[in-house]
Amino acid sequence: MENLFNKLDDLGEKAEYLDQKLKSLVEENAVLKQKVRSLEQKLESKDEELAKASEQVNTIQLARKLSGDFDSTEAVEELKKKINQYIREIDHTLRLIGD
């Protein structure tokens, strides 16, 4: 009978240990999820910055082409495409604001 009580005590201790371990892991999981969300937001922000910088580089390259050779039909067509793209983006933004 005493052997049974010893086993029950051991089982109770193991259950308590596992309960503490579970609580610890749940807390750690919550912290790690928060870190993941934070890093995802930073990544999204950096992606946006990269896209803006890339757009600026493209605009500067186009401006350099135009300043060197304005008669170039290729440069004029590229400029028209760029202006049309800006107009579409502005229209889209205005639609979103209007909604």
N, C-alpha and C. Protein backbone atom coordinates (compact mmCIF):
# COMPACT_ATOMS: atom_id res chain seq x y z
N MET A 1 0.81 -1.19 0.00
CA MET A 1 0.00 0.00 0.00
C MET A 1 0.87 1.26 0.00
N GLU A 2 1.94 1.21 0.78
CA GLU A 2 2.84 2.36 0.83
C GLU A 2 3.50 2.58 -0.53
N ASN A 3 3.76 1.50 -1.24
CA ASN A 3 4.33 1.59 -2.58
C ASN A 3 3.39 2.35 -3.50
N LEU A 4 2.10 2.11 -3.35
CA LEU A 4 1.10 2.80 -4.16
C LEU A 4 1.09 4.30 -3.85
N PHE A 5 1.20 4.64 -2.56
CA PHE A 5 1.25 6.05 -2.17
C PHE A 5 2.50 6.74 -2.72
N ASN A 6 3.60 6.04 -2.70
CA ASN A 6 4.85 6.59 -3.25
C ASN A 6 4.70 6.86 -4.74
N LYS A 7 4.08 5.92 -5.43
CA LYS A 7 3.86 6.10 -6.86
C LYS A 7 2.92 7.28 -7.12
N LEU A 8 1.89 7.42 -6.30
CA LEU A 8 0.97 8.53 -6.45
C LEU A 8 1.68 9.86 -6.17
N ASP A 9 2.55 9.88 -5.16
CA ASP A 9 3.31 11.09 -4.87
C ASP A 9 4.21 11.45 -6.05
N ASP A 10 4.89 10.43 -6.59
CA ASP A 10 5.76 10.66 -7.75
C ASP A 10 4.95 11.17 -8.94
N LEU A 11 3.81 10.57 -9.13
CA LEU A 11 2.95 10.98 -10.24
C LEU A 11 2.46 12.42 -10.03
N GLY A 12 2.11 12.78 -8.81
CA GLY A 12 1.69 14.14 -8.49
C GLY A 12 2.81 15.14 -8.74
N GLU A 13 4.03 14.79 -8.35
CA GLU A 13 5.19 15.67 -8.57
C GLU A 13 5.45 15.85 -10.07
N LYS A 14 5.35 14.76 -10.81
CA LYS A 14 5.57 14.85 -12.26
C LYS A 14 4.48 15.69 -12.92
N ALA A 15 3.25 15.54 -12.45
CA ALA A 15 2.15 16.33 -13.01
C ALA A 15 2.37 17.82 -12.71
N GLU A 16 2.81 18.12 -11.49
CA GLU A 16 3.09 19.51 -11.12
C GLU A 16 4.23 20.08 -11.96
N TYR A 17 5.28 19.27 -12.16
CA TYR A 17 6.41 19.70 -13.00
C TYR A 17 5.94 19.98 -14.42
N LEU A 18 5.14 19.07 -14.96
CA LEU A 18 4.64 19.25 -16.33
C LEU A 18 3.73 20.47 -16.43
N ASP A 19 2.94 20.73 -15.40
CA ASP A 19 2.07 21.90 -15.40
C ASP A 19 2.91 23.18 -15.42
N GLN A 20 3.96 23.23 -14.61
CA GLN A 20 4.86 24.39 -14.59
C GLN A 20 5.56 24.56 -15.93
N LYS A 21 6.00 23.43 -16.48
CA LYS A 21 6.69 23.46 -17.78
C LYS A 21 5.74 23.98 -18.86
N LEU A 22 4.48 23.53 -18.83
CA LEU A 22 3.49 23.98 -19.80
C LEU A 22 3.27 25.48 -19.68
N LYS A 23 3.11 25.99 -18.47
CA LYS A 23 2.91 27.42 -18.27
C LYS A 23 4.11 28.21 -18.79
N SER A 24 5.30 27.71 -18.52
CA SER A 24 6.51 28.38 -18.99
C SER A 24 6.56 28.41 -20.51
N LEU A 25 6.23 27.29 -21.14
CA LEU A 25 6.26 27.23 -22.60
C LEU A 25 5.17 28.10 -23.24
N VAL A 26 4.02 28.18 -22.60
CA VAL A 26 2.95 29.03 -23.11
C VAL A 26 3.39 30.50 -23.07
N GLU A 27 4.02 30.90 -21.96
CA GLU A 27 4.51 32.28 -21.85
C GLU A 27 5.59 32.55 -22.89
N GLU A 28 6.51 31.60 -23.05
CA GLU A 28 7.57 31.77 -24.04
C GLU A 28 6.99 31.85 -25.44
N ASN A 29 5.99 31.05 -25.72
CA ASN A 29 5.34 31.07 -27.02
C ASN A 29 4.70 32.43 -27.29
N ALA A 30 4.06 33.00 -26.27
CA ALA A 30 3.43 34.32 -26.43
C ALA A 30 4.48 35.38 -26.73
N VAL A 31 5.60 35.31 -26.03
CA VAL A 31 6.69 36.28 -26.26
C VAL A 31 7.24 36.12 -27.68
N LEU A 32 7.44 34.88 -28.09
CA LEU A 32 7.98 34.64 -29.44
C LEU A 32 7.00 35.08 -30.52
N LYS A 33 5.71 34.87 -30.30
CA LYS A 33 4.71 35.34 -31.28
C LYS A 33 4.75 36.85 -31.40
N GLN A 34 4.91 37.55 -30.28
CA GLN A 34 4.99 39.01 -30.31
C GLN A 34 6.23 39.45 -31.08
N LYS A 35 7.35 38.76 -30.87
CA LYS A 35 8.57 39.08 -31.59
C LYS A 35 8.39 38.87 -33.09
N VAL A 36 7.72 37.79 -33.45
CA VAL A 36 7.46 37.50 -34.87
C VAL A 36 6.62 38.61 -35.48
N ARG A 37 5.56 39.05 -34.78
CA ARG A 37 4.72 40.13 -35.29
C ARG A 37 5.53 41.41 -35.46
N SER A 38 6.38 41.69 -34.49
CA SER A 38 7.22 42.89 -34.56
C SER A 38 8.17 42.81 -35.75
N LEU A 39 8.80 41.67 -35.93
CA LEU A 39 9.73 41.51 -37.05
C LEU A 39 9.02 41.55 -38.40
N GLU A 40 7.80 41.00 -38.45
CA GLU A 40 7.03 41.07 -39.70
C GLU A 40 6.68 42.51 -40.03
N GLN A 41 6.35 43.31 -39.02
CA GLN A 41 6.04 44.72 -39.25
C GLN A 41 7.29 45.47 -39.73
N LYS A 42 8.44 45.16 -39.11
CA LYS A 42 9.67 45.81 -39.54
C LYS A 42 10.02 45.41 -40.97
N LEU A 43 9.82 44.14 -41.30
CA LEU A 43 10.09 43.67 -42.66
C LEU A 43 9.19 44.37 -43.66
N GLU A 44 7.92 44.50 -43.32
CA GLU A 44 6.98 45.18 -44.21
C GLU A 44 7.40 46.64 -44.41
N SER A 45 7.81 47.28 -43.33
CA SER A 45 8.26 48.67 -43.41
C SER A 45 9.49 48.79 -44.31
N LYS A 46 10.43 47.88 -44.13
CA LYS A 46 11.65 47.91 -44.94
C LYS A 46 11.33 47.63 -46.41
N ASP A 47 10.38 46.72 -46.66
CA ASP A 47 9.97 46.44 -48.04
C ASP A 47 9.39 47.70 -48.69
N GLU A 48 8.58 48.43 -47.92
CA GLU A 48 8.00 49.67 -48.45
C GLU A 48 9.09 50.70 -48.73
N GLU A 49 10.05 50.81 -47.81
CA GLU A 49 11.16 51.74 -48.02
C GLU A 49 11.96 51.36 -49.26
N LEU A 50 12.19 50.07 -49.43
CA LEU A 50 12.93 49.59 -50.59
C LEU A 50 12.18 49.89 -51.89
N ALA A 51 10.87 49.69 -51.87
CA ALA A 51 10.06 49.98 -53.06
C ALA A 51 10.12 51.47 -53.40
N LYS A 52 10.04 52.32 -52.36
CA LYS A 52 10.11 53.76 -52.60
C LYS A 52 11.48 54.16 -53.15
N ALA A 53 12.54 53.59 -52.57
CA ALA A 53 13.89 53.90 -53.04
C ALA A 53 14.08 53.42 -54.48
N SER A 54 13.55 52.26 -54.79
CA SER A 54 13.65 51.74 -56.15
C SER A 54 12.90 52.64 -57.12
N GLU A 55 11.75 53.12 -56.71
CA GLU A 55 10.97 54.04 -57.54
C GLU A 55 11.74 55.34 -57.77
N GLN A 56 12.39 55.83 -56.73
CA GLN A 56 13.18 57.05 -56.85
C GLN A 56 14.34 56.85 -57.81
N VAL A 57 15.00 55.70 -57.72
CA VAL A 57 16.11 55.40 -58.62
C VAL A 57 15.61 55.38 -60.06
N ASN A 58 14.48 54.73 -60.29
CA ASN A 58 13.92 54.68 -61.64
C ASN A 58 13.57 56.07 -62.16
N THR A 59 13.01 56.90 -61.28
CA THR A 59 12.66 58.26 -61.68
C THR A 59 13.91 59.08 -62.00
N ILE A 60 14.92 58.93 -61.18
CA ILE A 60 16.18 59.65 -61.43
C ILE A 60 16.82 59.19 -62.73
N GLN A 61 16.80 57.89 -62.97
CA GLN A 61 17.37 57.38 -64.22
C GLN A 61 16.60 57.92 -65.42
N LEU A 62 15.29 57.98 -65.30
CA LEU A 62 14.47 58.52 -66.39
C LEU A 62 14.78 60.01 -66.60
N ALA A 63 14.91 60.73 -65.50
CA ALA A 63 15.22 62.16 -65.61
C ALA A 63 16.58 62.37 -66.27
N ARG A 64 17.53 61.54 -65.94
CA ARG A 64 18.86 61.66 -66.56
C ARG A 64 18.79 61.37 -68.06
N LYS A 65 17.99 60.38 -68.41
CA LYS A 65 17.83 60.06 -69.84
C LYS A 65 17.21 61.25 -70.57
N LEU A 66 16.19 61.83 -69.93
CA LEU A 66 15.51 62.95 -70.57
C LEU A 66 16.41 64.17 -70.69
N SER A 67 17.20 64.42 -69.66
CA SER A 67 18.06 65.60 -69.70
C SER A 67 19.16 65.45 -70.75
N GLY A 68 19.52 64.23 -71.04
CA GLY A 68 20.56 64.01 -72.04
C GLY A 68 20.04 63.98 -73.45
N ASP A 69 18.82 63.46 -73.63
CA ASP A 69 18.30 63.29 -74.99
C ASP A 69 16.78 63.38 -74.96
N PHE A 70 16.25 64.59 -74.96
CA PHE A 70 14.81 64.77 -74.86
C PHE A 70 14.10 64.37 -76.15
N ASP A 71 14.81 64.35 -77.25
CA ASP A 71 14.18 63.99 -78.52
C ASP A 71 13.99 62.49 -78.67
N SER A 72 14.55 61.75 -77.78
CA SER A 72 14.45 60.30 -77.86
C SER A 72 13.00 59.86 -77.63
N THR A 73 12.46 59.15 -78.62
CA THR A 73 11.07 58.68 -78.50
C THR A 73 10.94 57.65 -77.37
N GLU A 74 12.00 56.89 -77.16
CA GLU A 74 11.99 55.90 -76.08
C GLU A 74 11.85 56.58 -74.72
N ALA A 75 12.60 57.64 -74.52
CA ALA A 75 12.55 58.37 -73.25
C ALA A 75 11.19 59.03 -73.08
N VAL A 76 10.63 59.57 -74.15
CA VAL A 76 9.32 60.22 -74.08
C VAL A 76 8.25 59.18 -73.75
N GLU A 77 8.31 58.04 -74.40
CA GLU A 77 7.34 56.98 -74.12
C GLU A 77 7.45 56.49 -72.69
N GLU A 78 8.65 56.35 -72.21
CA GLU A 78 8.87 55.92 -70.83
C GLU A 78 8.32 56.95 -69.84
N LEU A 79 8.52 58.22 -70.17
CA LEU A 79 7.99 59.29 -69.33
C LEU A 79 6.45 59.26 -69.33
N LYS A 80 5.85 59.05 -70.49
CA LYS A 80 4.39 58.97 -70.56
C LYS A 80 3.86 57.80 -69.72
N LYS A 81 4.54 56.68 -69.82
CA LYS A 81 4.12 55.52 -69.02
C LYS A 81 4.20 55.83 -67.53
N LYS A 82 5.27 56.49 -67.15
CA LYS A 82 5.47 56.83 -65.75
C LYS A 82 4.38 57.79 -65.27
N ILE A 83 4.07 58.80 -66.08
CA ILE A 83 3.02 59.76 -65.71
C ILE A 83 1.67 59.05 -65.60
N ASN A 84 1.37 58.16 -66.54
CA ASN A 84 0.11 57.40 -66.49
C ASN A 84 0.04 56.53 -65.24
N GLN A 85 1.17 55.95 -64.87
CA GLN A 85 1.22 55.12 -63.66
C GLN A 85 0.93 55.98 -62.43
N TYR A 86 1.52 57.16 -62.36
CA TYR A 86 1.28 58.06 -61.25
C TYR A 86 -0.20 58.47 -61.19
N ILE A 87 -0.77 58.74 -62.34
CA ILE A 87 -2.19 59.13 -62.38
C ILE A 87 -3.07 57.99 -61.88
N ARG A 88 -2.77 56.76 -62.30
CA ARG A 88 -3.55 55.61 -61.82
C ARG A 88 -3.42 55.46 -60.30
N GLU A 89 -2.22 55.64 -59.77
CA GLU A 89 -2.01 55.53 -58.33
C GLU A 89 -2.77 56.63 -57.59
N ILE A 90 -2.78 57.83 -58.13
CA ILE A 90 -3.52 58.94 -57.51
C ILE A 90 -5.01 58.66 -57.55
N ASP A 91 -5.51 58.18 -58.70
CA ASP A 91 -6.94 57.85 -58.81
C ASP A 91 -7.32 56.76 -57.81
N HIS A 92 -6.48 55.76 -57.68
CA HIS A 92 -6.75 54.67 -56.75
C HIS A 92 -6.78 55.19 -55.31
N THR A 93 -5.85 56.05 -54.98
CA THR A 93 -5.80 56.63 -53.63
C THR A 93 -7.05 57.48 -53.36
N LEU A 94 -7.46 58.25 -54.35
CA LEU A 94 -8.65 59.09 -54.18
C LEU A 94 -9.90 58.22 -54.00
N ARG A 95 -9.96 57.10 -54.73
CA ARG A 95 -11.08 56.19 -54.56
C ARG A 95 -11.10 55.60 -53.15
N LEU A 96 -9.94 55.25 -52.65
CA LEU A 96 -9.87 54.69 -51.30
C LEU A 96 -10.28 55.73 -50.26
N ILE A 97 -9.86 56.95 -50.47
CA ILE A 97 -10.23 58.02 -49.53
C ILE A 97 -11.72 58.28 -49.59
N GLY A 98 -12.29 58.21 -50.79
CA GLY A 98 -13.72 58.47 -50.96
C GLY A 98 -14.60 57.40 -50.36
N ASP A 99 -14.08 56.17 -50.22
CA ASP A 99 -14.90 55.09 -49.68
C ASP A 99 -15.07 55.20 -48.23
